[in-house]
Amino acid sequence: MIAEGAFLRVLFPTSERPREPGLLHIGYCLAVRPPLLLVAYTTSQPWPAGVPVPFGVRNFSAAEALALNQSRPFRLHLNRQARVVLSKRWIPDIDRQGQGVVAAAPPDLRDELLGMALELEKRHRASVERLGT
């Protein structure tokens, strides 16, 4: 079931087409307010060496990724968010068992990410990219 703290398969919109379903990614669910879902972007692309990670970006090691049912290290960009409709158009597996959820963040991680997201809204709002409907 899709809930806050879930990592799920979502057609995350691109900057070029911010209001349309985009590429299939694992997104992190920040909020569920039917019929909408707020998700943050993840990527497994490596971060450039020597470049500081901005506030709102969290790196996950191989071990952390494995604990979240993901096969390789990844980065969560809480500063790149999309508001999507709870529908097959945005969440291709919504009609299947599990609804595309690959893992749920344990409470301590969910609290950490919520704290970062709230801090982003409070102090770094201009740095948050907002996509989706």
C-alpha atoms as a PDB file:
ATOM      1  CA  MET A   1       0.000   0.000   0.000  1.00  0.00           C
ATOM      2  CA  ILE A   2       1.229   3.463  -0.857  1.00  0.00           C
ATOM      3  CA  ALA A   3       1.887   5.491   2.299  1.00  0.00           C
ATOM      4  CA  GLU A   4       4.232   8.197   3.483  1.00  0.00           C
ATOM      5  CA  GLY A   5       7.727   6.732   3.663  1.00  0.00           C
ATOM      6  CA  ALA A   6       7.207   4.300   0.775  1.00  0.00           C
ATOM      7  CA  PHE A   7       9.684   3.896  -2.042  1.00  0.00           C
ATOM      8  CA  LEU A   8       7.623   3.171  -5.151  1.00  0.00           C
ATOM      9  CA  ARG A   9       7.786   2.910  -8.926  1.00  0.00           C
ATOM     10  CA  VAL A  10       6.465   6.141 -10.454  1.00  0.00           C
ATOM     11  CA  LEU A  11       6.651   7.840 -13.850  1.00  0.00           C
ATOM     12  CA  PHE A  12       8.524  10.863 -12.506  1.00  0.00           C
ATOM     13  CA  PRO A  13       8.091  13.925 -14.735  1.00  0.00           C
ATOM     14  CA  THR A  14      11.061  15.555 -16.431  1.00  0.00           C
ATOM     15  CA  SER A  15      11.978  19.237 -16.304  1.00  0.00           C
ATOM     16  CA  GLU A  16      11.234  19.418 -20.047  1.00  0.00           C
ATOM     17  CA  ARG A  17       7.685  18.065 -19.552  1.00  0.00           C
ATOM     18  CA  PRO A  18       6.911  18.902 -15.923  1.00  0.00           C
ATOM     19  CA  ARG A  19       3.164  18.190 -16.084  1.00  0.00           C
ATOM     20  CA  GLU A  20       3.362  14.844 -17.922  1.00  0.00           C
ATOM     21  CA  PRO A  21       4.347  11.391 -16.678  1.00  0.00           C
ATOM     22  CA  GLY A  22       8.013  10.874 -17.411  1.00  0.00           C
ATOM     23  CA  LEU A  23      10.606   8.200 -16.900  1.00  0.00           C
ATOM     24  CA  LEU A  24      10.114   5.247 -14.582  1.00  0.00           C
ATOM     25  CA  HIS A  25      11.981   5.889 -11.324  1.00  0.00           C
ATOM     26  CA  ILE A  26      11.786   4.842  -7.743  1.00  0.00           C
ATOM     27  CA  GLY A  27      10.254   7.787  -5.923  1.00  0.00           C
ATOM     28  CA  TYR A  28      10.052   8.449  -2.211  1.00  0.00           C
ATOM     29  CA  CYS A  29       6.553   9.235  -0.945  1.00  0.00           C
ATOM     30  CA  LEU A  30       6.535  12.417   1.124  1.00  0.00           C
ATOM     31  CA  ALA A  31       2.758  12.738   1.453  1.00  0.00           C
ATOM     32  CA  VAL A  32      -0.477  11.048   0.443  1.00  0.00           C
ATOM     33  CA  ARG A  33      -3.587  13.192   0.154  1.00  0.00           C
ATOM     34  CA  PRO A  34      -5.957  11.340  -2.182  1.00  0.00           C
ATOM     35  CA  PRO A  35      -6.216  11.799  -5.040  1.00  0.00           C
ATOM     36  CA  LEU A  36      -2.663  13.213  -4.930  1.00  0.00           C
ATOM     37  CA  LEU A  37       0.718  11.894  -3.944  1.00  0.00           C
ATOM     38  CA  LEU A  38       3.875  13.964  -3.344  1.00  0.00           C
ATOM     39  CA  VAL A  39       7.041  12.098  -4.316  1.00  0.00           C
ATOM     40  CA  ALA A  40      10.725  12.958  -4.307  1.00  0.00           C
ATOM     41  CA  TYR A  41      13.159  11.888  -7.012  1.00  0.00           C
ATOM     42  CA  THR A  42      15.808   9.184  -6.717  1.00  0.00           C
ATOM     43  CA  THR A  43      18.656   8.286  -9.043  1.00  0.00           C
ATOM     44  CA  SER A  44      21.453   5.744  -9.056  1.00  0.00           C
ATOM     45  CA  GLN A  45      23.723   8.013 -11.100  1.00  0.00           C
ATOM     46  CA  PRO A  46      26.938   8.669  -9.156  1.00  0.00           C
ATOM     47  CA  TRP A  47      27.510  12.099  -7.635  1.00  0.00           C
ATOM     48  CA  PRO A  48      30.572  13.893  -9.030  1.00  0.00           C
ATOM     49  CA  ALA A  49      33.661  13.424  -6.869  1.00  0.00           C
ATOM     50  CA  GLY A  50      34.693  16.498  -4.922  1.00  0.00           C
ATOM     51  CA  VAL A  51      31.347  18.259  -5.385  1.00  0.00           C
ATOM     52  CA  PRO A  52      29.500  18.934  -2.127  1.00  0.00           C
ATOM     53  CA  VAL A  53      26.055  17.360  -1.876  1.00  0.00           C
ATOM     54  CA  PRO A  54      23.455  20.133  -1.446  1.00  0.00           C
ATOM     55  CA  PHE A  55      21.037  20.217   1.449  1.00  0.00           C
ATOM     56  CA  GLY A  56      18.042  18.050   0.648  1.00  0.00           C
ATOM     57  CA  VAL A  57      20.053  15.351  -1.093  1.00  0.00           C
ATOM     58  CA  ARG A  58      20.699  12.095   0.768  1.00  0.00           C
ATOM     59  CA  ASN A  59      23.112   9.411  -0.460  1.00  0.00           C
ATOM     60  CA  PHE A  60      22.294   5.772   0.266  1.00  0.00           C
ATOM     61  CA  SER A  61      25.130   3.262   0.434  1.00  0.00           C
ATOM     62  CA  ALA A  62      24.955  -0.194  -1.146  1.00  0.00           C
ATOM     63  CA  ALA A  63      24.014  -1.687   2.234  1.00  0.00           C
ATOM     64  CA  GLU A  64      21.297   0.917   2.843  1.00  0.00           C
ATOM     65  CA  ALA A  65      19.961   0.394  -0.683  1.00  0.00           C
ATOM     66  CA  LEU A  66      19.844  -3.374  -0.203  1.00  0.00           C
ATOM     67  CA  ALA A  67      17.873  -2.914   3.027  1.00  0.00           C
ATOM     68  CA  LEU A  68      15.349  -0.936   0.927  1.00  0.00           C
ATOM     69  CA  ASN A  69      15.089  -3.644  -1.766  1.00  0.00           C
ATOM     70  CA  GLN A  70      17.210  -1.714  -4.243  1.00  0.00           C
ATOM     71  CA  SER A  71      20.099  -3.317  -6.073  1.00  0.00           C
ATOM     72  CA  ARG A  72      22.604  -0.445  -6.031  1.00  0.00           C
ATOM     73  CA  PRO A  73      23.501   2.712  -4.136  1.00  0.00           C
ATOM     74  CA  PHE A  74      21.274   5.683  -4.908  1.00  0.00           C
ATOM     75  CA  ARG A  75      20.592   9.307  -4.106  1.00  0.00           C
ATOM     76  CA  LEU A  76      17.333  10.795  -2.884  1.00  0.00           C
ATOM     77  CA  HIS A  77      16.654  14.377  -3.982  1.00  0.00           C
ATOM     78  CA  LEU A  78      14.134  15.828  -1.556  1.00  0.00           C
ATOM     79  CA  ASN A  79      14.695  19.104  -3.419  1.00  0.00           C
ATOM     80  CA  ARG A  80      13.116  17.631  -6.580  1.00  0.00           C
ATOM     81  CA  GLN A  81       9.470  16.856  -5.970  1.00  0.00           C
ATOM     82  CA  ALA A  82       6.469  15.906  -8.080  1.00  0.00           C
ATOM     83  CA  ARG A  83       2.807  15.989  -7.254  1.00  0.00           C
ATOM     84  CA  VAL A  84       1.116  13.132  -9.104  1.00  0.00           C
ATOM     85  CA  VAL A  85      -2.358  11.657  -9.218  1.00  0.00           C
ATOM     86  CA  LEU A  86      -2.882   8.239  -7.667  1.00  0.00           C
ATOM     87  CA  SER A  87      -3.614   6.627 -11.022  1.00  0.00           C
ATOM     88  CA  LYS A  88      -2.179   4.165 -13.530  1.00  0.00           C
ATOM     89  CA  ARG A  89      -1.134   7.149 -15.663  1.00  0.00           C
ATOM     90  CA  TRP A  90       1.534   8.058 -13.089  1.00  0.00           C
ATOM     91  CA  ILE A  91       1.934   4.829 -11.117  1.00  0.00           C
ATOM     92  CA  PRO A  92       1.929   1.961 -13.622  1.00  0.00           C
ATOM     93  CA  ASP A  93       1.649  -0.764 -10.953  1.00  0.00           C
ATOM     94  CA  ILE A  94      -1.151   0.844  -8.940  1.00  0.00           C
ATOM     95  CA  ASP A  95      -3.592  -1.949  -9.862  1.00  0.00           C
ATOM     96  CA  ARG A  96      -1.168  -4.708  -8.849  1.00  0.00           C
ATOM     97  CA  GLN A  97      -0.578  -6.195  -5.448  1.00  0.00           C
ATOM     98  CA  GLY A  98       1.760  -3.851  -3.593  1.00  0.00           C
ATOM     99  CA  GLN A  99       0.885  -0.937  -5.915  1.00  0.00           C
ATOM    100  CA  GLY A 100       4.500  -0.573  -7.056  1.00  0.00           C
ATOM    101  CA  VAL A 101       5.888  -0.121  -3.537  1.00  0.00           C
ATOM    102  CA  VAL A 102       9.377  -1.617  -3.370  1.00  0.00           C
ATOM    103  CA  ALA A 103      10.102  -0.785   0.282  1.00  0.00           C
ATOM    104  CA  ALA A 104       8.989   1.256   3.251  1.00  0.00           C
ATOM    105  CA  ALA A 105      11.448   3.439   5.117  1.00  0.00           C
ATOM    106  CA  PRO A 106      11.905   2.363   8.731  1.00  0.00           C
ATOM    107  CA  PRO A 107      10.669   4.942  11.277  1.00  0.00           C
ATOM    108  CA  ASP A 108      14.111   6.436  12.013  1.00  0.00           C
ATOM    109  CA  LEU A 109      14.829   7.004   8.314  1.00  0.00           C
ATOM    110  CA  ARG A 110      11.331   8.368   7.718  1.00  0.00           C
ATOM    111  CA  ASP A 111      11.858  10.833  10.589  1.00  0.00           C
ATOM    112  CA  GLU A 112      15.260  11.882   9.193  1.00  0.00           C
ATOM    113  CA  LEU A 113      13.827  12.488   5.716  1.00  0.00           C
ATOM    114  CA  LEU A 114      10.786  14.320   7.067  1.00  0.00           C
ATOM    115  CA  GLY A 115      13.087  16.611   9.046  1.00  0.00           C
ATOM    116  CA  MET A 116      15.115  17.356   5.924  1.00  0.00           C
ATOM    117  CA  ALA A 117      11.955  17.998   3.882  1.00  0.00           C
ATOM    118  CA  LEU A 118      10.573  20.381   6.516  1.00  0.00           C
ATOM    119  CA  GLU A 119      13.898  22.224   6.705  1.00  0.00           C
ATOM    120  CA  LEU A 120      13.875  22.561   2.910  1.00  0.00           C
ATOM    121  CA  GLU A 121      10.420  24.143   3.033  1.00  0.00           C
ATOM    122  CA  LYS A 122      11.373  26.424   5.887  1.00  0.00           C
ATOM    123  CA  ARG A 123      14.825  27.651   4.848  1.00  0.00           C
ATOM    124  CA  HIS A 124      15.559  26.537   1.287  1.00  0.00           C
ATOM    125  CA  ARG A 125      12.177  26.779  -0.442  1.00  0.00           C
ATOM    126  CA  ALA A 126      13.617  28.494  -3.535  1.00  0.00           C
ATOM    127  CA  SER A 127      15.888  25.500  -4.187  1.00  0.00           C
ATOM    128  CA  VAL A 128      12.994  23.014  -4.458  1.00  0.00           C
ATOM    129  CA  GLU A 129      12.001  22.033  -7.996  1.00  0.00           C
ATOM    130  CA  ARG A 130       8.285  21.275  -8.170  1.00  0.00           C
ATOM    131  CA  LEU A 131       6.911  19.159 -11.000  1.00  0.00           C
ATOM    132  CA  GLY A 132       3.714  17.265 -11.751  1.00  0.00           C
ATOM    133  CA  THR A 133       0.057  18.159 -11.783  1.00  0.00           C
END
